[in-house]
Amino acid sequence: MAAVSDQPTSTCTHCDRAIPAANIDLHYAHCSRNLQKCKVCGDMVPKQHAEEHYLNTHAPVACSLCSETMERDILEIHKDEKCPRRIVTCEFCEFPLPAIDLAEHQEVCGNRTELCHLCNKYVRLREKYNHENNCTRIQSNAVGTSRNVRPAERDRGARRRQQNDFSRRRLLFTIAITGIAVILGSIFFQRKTELSNVH
């Protein structure tokens, strides 16, 4: 533990620090010649580095994304949290885009629909989370009462699932055939072009 000094002190009129009274004249001469108080933060900085201190610590800087000018010490917070041009991702499709465009994008994107595999209904993406919770609850309640379901209704549900599987397979088959047709057509067209260039 440092010993408490009993020496009387004086306040330096240049830096406002308490200095032992015996050293005040020497301190003041050195302090006023070499140090300067920063007008922004009040720190004492060497005169030869005063401009560098200002430029590195306090000078207004422009955001590289939106060109807004601000103090250097809030630049990182601005870029991470407030800049309208910072890149954010859509909660529905995870597409990266500038924050300024997010609300408009999500308004459209959230209105897209996807098929719920539990109830076979199309649900808006913005309502999907709540729907899945409710749908799961309804399904788990229905499991307890499934013994009461008539065989005809059970068969209808199975038939609907089979139809969905069939239409999905038909769609994939159509895409595959279309792709093959495009490839064959482009090969045929390329050969025809090569033959016409030869003649």
C-alpha atoms as a PDB file:
ATOM      1  CA  MET A   1       0.000   0.000   0.000  1.00  0.00           C
ATOM      2  CA  ALA A   2       1.421   3.399  -1.013  1.00  0.00           C
ATOM      3  CA  ALA A   3       2.202   5.814   1.771  1.00  0.00           C
ATOM      4  CA  VAL A   4       0.005   8.904   1.922  1.00  0.00           C
ATOM      5  CA  SER A   5       2.143  11.985   1.257  1.00  0.00           C
ATOM      6  CA  ASP A   6       2.026  14.754   3.854  1.00  0.00           C
ATOM      7  CA  GLN A   7       3.563  17.251   1.437  1.00  0.00           C
ATOM      8  CA  PRO A   8       1.412  20.268   0.602  1.00  0.00           C
ATOM      9  CA  THR A   9       0.164  20.363  -2.991  1.00  0.00           C
ATOM     10  CA  SER A  10      -0.655  23.080  -5.487  1.00  0.00           C
ATOM     11  CA  THR A  11      -2.881  22.864  -8.540  1.00  0.00           C
ATOM     12  CA  CYS A  12      -1.191  23.365 -11.907  1.00  0.00           C
ATOM     13  CA  THR A  13      -3.077  26.119 -13.746  1.00  0.00           C
ATOM     14  CA  HIS A  14      -2.279  24.479 -17.085  1.00  0.00           C
ATOM     15  CA  CYS A  15      -3.378  20.861 -16.496  1.00  0.00           C
ATOM     16  CA  ASP A  16      -5.466  21.226 -13.287  1.00  0.00           C
ATOM     17  CA  ARG A  17      -3.566  18.406 -11.562  1.00  0.00           C
ATOM     18  CA  ALA A  18      -2.463  18.498  -7.916  1.00  0.00           C
ATOM     19  CA  ILE A  19       1.319  18.703  -7.845  1.00  0.00           C
ATOM     20  CA  PRO A  20       3.622  18.741  -4.778  1.00  0.00           C
ATOM     21  CA  ALA A  21       4.102  22.447  -3.966  1.00  0.00           C
ATOM     22  CA  ALA A  22       7.900  22.105  -4.029  1.00  0.00           C
ATOM     23  CA  ASN A  23       7.794  20.942  -7.692  1.00  0.00           C
ATOM     24  CA  ILE A  24       5.046  23.224  -9.021  1.00  0.00           C
ATOM     25  CA  ASP A  25       7.289  25.729 -10.833  1.00  0.00           C
ATOM     26  CA  LEU A  26       9.318  23.024 -12.571  1.00  0.00           C
ATOM     27  CA  HIS A  27       6.159  21.067 -13.425  1.00  0.00           C
ATOM     28  CA  TYR A  28       4.380  24.138 -14.809  1.00  0.00           C
ATOM     29  CA  ALA A  29       7.337  25.055 -17.040  1.00  0.00           C
ATOM     30  CA  HIS A  30       7.462  21.541 -18.487  1.00  0.00           C
ATOM     31  CA  CYS A  31       3.681  21.121 -18.674  1.00  0.00           C
ATOM     32  CA  SER A  32       2.923  24.430 -20.434  1.00  0.00           C
ATOM     33  CA  ARG A  33       5.763  23.942 -22.922  1.00  0.00           C
ATOM     34  CA  ASN A  34       5.003  20.324 -23.871  1.00  0.00           C
ATOM     35  CA  LEU A  35       1.341  19.548 -23.173  1.00  0.00           C
ATOM     36  CA  GLN A  36      -1.944  20.859 -24.481  1.00  0.00           C
ATOM     37  CA  LYS A  37      -5.500  20.254 -23.254  1.00  0.00           C
ATOM     38  CA  CYS A  38      -7.770  18.647 -25.847  1.00  0.00           C
ATOM     39  CA  LYS A  39     -10.768  20.933 -26.396  1.00  0.00           C
ATOM     40  CA  VAL A  40     -13.066  17.958 -26.955  1.00  0.00           C
ATOM     41  CA  CYS A  41     -12.227  15.436 -24.203  1.00  0.00           C
ATOM     42  CA  GLY A  42     -10.080  17.570 -21.854  1.00  0.00           C
ATOM     43  CA  ASP A  43      -7.176  15.084 -21.857  1.00  0.00           C
ATOM     44  CA  MET A  44      -3.650  16.459 -21.748  1.00  0.00           C
ATOM     45  CA  VAL A  45      -1.808  15.406 -24.892  1.00  0.00           C
ATOM     46  CA  PRO A  46       1.700  16.221 -26.147  1.00  0.00           C
ATOM     47  CA  LYS A  47       1.547  19.364 -28.319  1.00  0.00           C
ATOM     48  CA  GLN A  48       3.355  17.611 -31.148  1.00  0.00           C
ATOM     49  CA  HIS A  49       0.648  14.891 -31.209  1.00  0.00           C
ATOM     50  CA  ALA A  50      -2.391  17.141 -30.593  1.00  0.00           C
ATOM     51  CA  GLU A  51      -3.549  17.122 -34.214  1.00  0.00           C
ATOM     52  CA  GLU A  52      -3.008  13.373 -34.505  1.00  0.00           C
ATOM     53  CA  HIS A  53      -4.998  12.879 -31.272  1.00  0.00           C
ATOM     54  CA  TYR A  54      -7.875  14.938 -32.665  1.00  0.00           C
ATOM     55  CA  LEU A  55      -7.886  13.150 -36.031  1.00  0.00           C
ATOM     56  CA  ASN A  56      -7.672   9.657 -34.499  1.00  0.00           C
ATOM     57  CA  THR A  57     -10.121  10.242 -31.670  1.00  0.00           C
ATOM     58  CA  HIS A  58     -12.535  13.095 -32.344  1.00  0.00           C
ATOM     59  CA  ALA A  59     -12.511  14.154 -36.008  1.00  0.00           C
ATOM     60  CA  PRO A  60     -15.835  13.524 -37.754  1.00  0.00           C
ATOM     61  CA  VAL A  61     -15.679  10.560 -40.109  1.00  0.00           C
ATOM     62  CA  ALA A  62     -17.998   9.426 -42.867  1.00  0.00           C
ATOM     63  CA  CYS A  63     -19.633   6.011 -42.756  1.00  0.00           C
ATOM     64  CA  SER A  64     -18.282   3.981 -45.668  1.00  0.00           C
ATOM     65  CA  LEU A  65     -21.740   2.517 -46.282  1.00  0.00           C
ATOM     66  CA  CYS A  66     -24.114   5.510 -46.112  1.00  0.00           C
ATOM     67  CA  SER A  67     -21.684   8.500 -46.081  1.00  0.00           C
ATOM     68  CA  GLU A  68     -23.279   9.973 -42.931  1.00  0.00           C
ATOM     69  CA  THR A  69     -20.743  11.981 -40.901  1.00  0.00           C
ATOM     70  CA  MET A  70     -20.325  11.259 -37.192  1.00  0.00           C
ATOM     71  CA  GLU A  71     -17.806  11.117 -34.352  1.00  0.00           C
ATOM     72  CA  ARG A  72     -15.295   8.321 -34.696  1.00  0.00           C
ATOM     73  CA  ASP A  73     -16.159   6.712 -31.359  1.00  0.00           C
ATOM     74  CA  ILE A  74     -19.751   5.958 -32.437  1.00  0.00           C
ATOM     75  CA  LEU A  75     -18.884   4.817 -35.971  1.00  0.00           C
ATOM     76  CA  GLU A  76     -18.736   1.101 -35.126  1.00  0.00           C
ATOM     77  CA  ILE A  77     -22.070   1.186 -33.260  1.00  0.00           C
ATOM     78  CA  HIS A  78     -23.598   3.036 -36.220  1.00  0.00           C
ATOM     79  CA  LYS A  79     -22.287   0.463 -38.725  1.00  0.00           C
ATOM     80  CA  ASP A  80     -23.425  -2.512 -36.611  1.00  0.00           C
ATOM     81  CA  GLU A  81     -26.837  -1.288 -35.428  1.00  0.00           C
ATOM     82  CA  LYS A  82     -28.098   1.917 -37.062  1.00  0.00           C
ATOM     83  CA  CYS A  83     -26.726   2.359 -40.577  1.00  0.00           C
ATOM     84  CA  PRO A  84     -29.572   2.095 -43.117  1.00  0.00           C
ATOM     85  CA  ARG A  85     -27.140   0.484 -45.594  1.00  0.00           C
ATOM     86  CA  ARG A  86     -25.856  -2.243 -43.227  1.00  0.00           C
ATOM     87  CA  ILE A  87     -26.549  -5.755 -44.486  1.00  0.00           C
ATOM     88  CA  VAL A  88     -29.272  -7.674 -42.655  1.00  0.00           C
ATOM     89  CA  THR A  89     -31.088 -10.898 -43.518  1.00  0.00           C
ATOM     90  CA  CYS A  90     -34.759 -11.500 -44.148  1.00  0.00           C
ATOM     91  CA  GLU A  91     -36.314 -13.614 -41.383  1.00  0.00           C
ATOM     92  CA  PHE A  92     -38.388 -15.524 -43.939  1.00  0.00           C
ATOM     93  CA  CYS A  93     -35.902 -16.348 -46.734  1.00  0.00           C
ATOM     94  CA  GLU A  94     -32.559 -15.391 -45.113  1.00  0.00           C
ATOM     95  CA  PHE A  95     -31.679 -13.280 -48.156  1.00  0.00           C
ATOM     96  CA  PRO A  96     -29.060 -10.595 -47.307  1.00  0.00           C
ATOM     97  CA  LEU A  97     -30.094  -7.024 -48.175  1.00  0.00           C
ATOM     98  CA  PRO A  98     -29.615  -3.415 -46.938  1.00  0.00           C
ATOM     99  CA  ALA A  99     -31.572  -2.602 -43.753  1.00  0.00           C
ATOM    100  CA  ILE A 100     -33.367   0.262 -45.524  1.00  0.00           C
ATOM    101  CA  ASP A 101     -35.041  -2.263 -47.874  1.00  0.00           C
ATOM    102  CA  LEU A 102     -35.845  -4.900 -45.234  1.00  0.00           C
ATOM    103  CA  ALA A 103     -39.381  -3.801 -44.243  1.00  0.00           C
ATOM    104  CA  GLU A 104     -40.602  -3.611 -47.849  1.00  0.00           C
ATOM    105  CA  HIS A 105     -38.965  -6.953 -48.716  1.00  0.00           C
ATOM    106  CA  GLN A 106     -40.407  -8.742 -45.673  1.00  0.00           C
ATOM    107  CA  GLU A 107     -43.867  -7.334 -46.384  1.00  0.00           C
ATOM    108  CA  VAL A 108     -43.812  -9.188 -49.722  1.00  0.00           C
ATOM    109  CA  CYS A 109     -41.747 -12.181 -48.612  1.00  0.00           C
ATOM    110  CA  GLY A 110     -43.856 -12.824 -45.507  1.00  0.00           C
ATOM    111  CA  ASN A 111     -46.989 -13.050 -47.662  1.00  0.00           C
ATOM    112  CA  ARG A 112     -45.611 -15.985 -49.650  1.00  0.00           C
ATOM    113  CA  THR A 113     -47.201 -19.304 -48.752  1.00  0.00           C
ATOM    114  CA  GLU A 114     -45.887 -22.771 -48.035  1.00  0.00           C
ATOM    115  CA  LEU A 115     -47.715 -26.039 -47.641  1.00  0.00           C
ATOM    116  CA  CYS A 116     -48.113 -27.250 -44.060  1.00  0.00           C
ATOM    117  CA  HIS A 117     -47.315 -30.975 -44.106  1.00  0.00           C
ATOM    118  CA  LEU A 118     -49.419 -31.576 -41.005  1.00  0.00           C
ATOM    119  CA  CYS A 119     -52.752 -30.255 -42.287  1.00  0.00           C
ATOM    120  CA  ASN A 120     -52.105 -29.863 -46.061  1.00  0.00           C
ATOM    121  CA  LYS A 121     -53.103 -26.186 -46.013  1.00  0.00           C
ATOM    122  CA  TYR A 122     -51.122 -23.308 -47.500  1.00  0.00           C
ATOM    123  CA  VAL A 123     -49.907 -20.923 -44.792  1.00  0.00           C
ATOM    124  CA  ARG A 124     -48.318 -17.464 -45.061  1.00  0.00           C
ATOM    125  CA  LEU A 125     -44.672 -17.464 -43.974  1.00  0.00           C
ATOM    126  CA  ARG A 126     -45.351 -14.667 -41.470  1.00  0.00           C
ATOM    127  CA  GLU A 127     -47.971 -16.892 -39.800  1.00  0.00           C
ATOM    128  CA  LYS A 128     -46.050 -20.164 -40.121  1.00  0.00           C
ATOM    129  CA  TYR A 129     -44.588 -20.284 -36.594  1.00  0.00           C
ATOM    130  CA  ASN A 130     -47.959 -19.735 -34.869  1.00  0.00           C
ATOM    131  CA  HIS A 131     -49.683 -22.059 -37.321  1.00  0.00           C
ATOM    132  CA  GLU A 132     -47.204 -24.890 -36.702  1.00  0.00           C
ATOM    133  CA  ASN A 133     -47.632 -24.554 -32.929  1.00  0.00           C
ATOM    134  CA  ASN A 134     -51.425 -24.657 -33.225  1.00  0.00           C
ATOM    135  CA  CYS A 135     -51.361 -27.355 -35.890  1.00  0.00           C
ATOM    136  CA  THR A 136     -49.065 -29.576 -33.800  1.00  0.00           C
ATOM    137  CA  ARG A 137     -51.350 -29.118 -30.799  1.00  0.00           C
ATOM    138  CA  ILE A 138     -54.414 -30.018 -32.890  1.00  0.00           C
ATOM    139  CA  GLN A 139     -52.608 -33.059 -34.349  1.00  0.00           C
ATOM    140  CA  SER A 140     -51.533 -34.310 -30.908  1.00  0.00           C
ATOM    141  CA  ASN A 141     -55.113 -33.856 -29.620  1.00  0.00           C
ATOM    142  CA  ALA A 142     -56.396 -35.699 -32.672  1.00  0.00           C
ATOM    143  CA  VAL A 143     -54.097 -38.651 -31.964  1.00  0.00           C
ATOM    144  CA  GLY A 144     -56.010 -39.304 -28.741  1.00  0.00           C
ATOM    145  CA  THR A 145     -59.324 -39.337 -30.609  1.00  0.00           C
ATOM    146  CA  SER A 146     -58.139 -41.169 -33.733  1.00  0.00           C
ATOM    147  CA  ARG A 147     -59.735 -44.376 -32.505  1.00  0.00           C
ATOM    148  CA  ASN A 148     -63.101 -42.661 -32.968  1.00  0.00           C
ATOM    149  CA  VAL A 149     -62.397 -41.746 -36.599  1.00  0.00           C
ATOM    150  CA  ARG A 150     -64.421 -43.760 -39.038  1.00  0.00           C
ATOM    151  CA  PRO A 151     -62.425 -45.992 -41.450  1.00  0.00           C
ATOM    152  CA  ALA A 152     -63.784 -44.040 -44.454  1.00  0.00           C
ATOM    153  CA  GLU A 153     -62.331 -40.744 -43.108  1.00  0.00           C
ATOM    154  CA  ARG A 154     -58.988 -42.414 -42.366  1.00  0.00           C
ATOM    155  CA  ASP A 155     -58.887 -43.766 -45.946  1.00  0.00           C
ATOM    156  CA  ARG A 156     -59.674 -40.276 -47.338  1.00  0.00           C
ATOM    157  CA  GLY A 157     -56.680 -38.784 -45.454  1.00  0.00           C
ATOM    158  CA  ALA A 158     -54.384 -41.548 -46.729  1.00  0.00           C
ATOM    159  CA  ARG A 159     -55.669 -41.007 -50.299  1.00  0.00           C
ATOM    160  CA  ARG A 160     -54.951 -37.235 -50.036  1.00  0.00           C
ATOM    161  CA  ARG A 161     -51.358 -37.948 -48.931  1.00  0.00           C
ATOM    162  CA  GLN A 162     -50.893 -40.378 -51.837  1.00  0.00           C
ATOM    163  CA  GLN A 163     -52.220 -37.781 -54.303  1.00  0.00           C
ATOM    164  CA  ASN A 164     -49.744 -35.197 -52.974  1.00  0.00           C
ATOM    165  CA  ASP A 165     -46.879 -37.690 -53.363  1.00  0.00           C
ATOM    166  CA  PHE A 166     -48.075 -38.544 -56.883  1.00  0.00           C
ATOM    167  CA  SER A 167     -48.338 -34.878 -57.978  1.00  0.00           C
ATOM    168  CA  ARG A 168     -44.870 -34.164 -56.523  1.00  0.00           C
ATOM    169  CA  ARG A 169     -43.410 -37.102 -58.482  1.00  0.00           C
ATOM    170  CA  ARG A 170     -45.203 -35.940 -61.641  1.00  0.00           C
ATOM    171  CA  LEU A 171     -43.742 -32.433 -61.208  1.00  0.00           C
ATOM    172  CA  LEU A 172     -40.193 -33.789 -60.783  1.00  0.00           C
ATOM    173  CA  PHE A 173     -40.650 -36.033 -63.827  1.00  0.00           C
ATOM    174  CA  THR A 174     -41.861 -33.062 -65.921  1.00  0.00           C
ATOM    175  CA  ILE A 175     -38.876 -30.959 -64.844  1.00  0.00           C
ATOM    176  CA  ALA A 176     -36.474 -33.781 -65.720  1.00  0.00           C
ATOM    177  CA  ILE A 177     -38.033 -34.310 -69.193  1.00  0.00           C
ATOM    178  CA  THR A 178     -37.979 -30.565 -69.886  1.00  0.00           C
ATOM    179  CA  GLY A 179     -34.313 -30.379 -68.897  1.00  0.00           C
ATOM    180  CA  ILE A 180     -33.386 -33.275 -71.195  1.00  0.00           C
ATOM    181  CA  ALA A 181     -35.345 -31.706 -74.074  1.00  0.00           C
ATOM    182  CA  VAL A 182     -33.516 -28.390 -73.632  1.00  0.00           C
ATOM    183  CA  ILE A 183     -30.101 -30.117 -73.609  1.00  0.00           C
ATOM    184  CA  LEU A 184     -30.883 -32.205 -76.705  1.00  0.00           C
ATOM    185  CA  GLY A 185     -32.282 -29.142 -78.509  1.00  0.00           C
ATOM    186  CA  SER A 186     -29.175 -27.076 -77.780  1.00  0.00           C
ATOM    187  CA  ILE A 187     -26.876 -29.916 -79.005  1.00  0.00           C
ATOM    188  CA  PHE A 188     -28.951 -30.303 -82.187  1.00  0.00           C
ATOM    189  CA  PHE A 189     -28.956 -26.543 -82.818  1.00  0.00           C
ATOM    190  CA  GLN A 190     -25.192 -26.314 -82.233  1.00  0.00           C
ATOM    191  CA  ARG A 191     -24.479 -29.147 -84.715  1.00  0.00           C
ATOM    192  CA  LYS A 192     -26.801 -27.593 -87.282  1.00  0.00           C
ATOM    193  CA  THR A 193     -24.976 -24.249 -86.900  1.00  0.00           C
ATOM    194  CA  GLU A 194     -21.564 -25.957 -87.272  1.00  0.00           C
ATOM    195  CA  LEU A 195     -22.706 -27.806 -90.410  1.00  0.00           C
ATOM    196  CA  SER A 196     -24.070 -24.622 -92.015  1.00  0.00           C
ATOM    197  CA  ASN A 197     -20.744 -22.834 -91.288  1.00  0.00           C
ATOM    198  CA  VAL A 198     -18.795 -25.666 -92.997  1.00  0.00           C
ATOM    199  CA  HIS A 199     -20.841 -25.350 -96.209  1.00  0.00           C
END
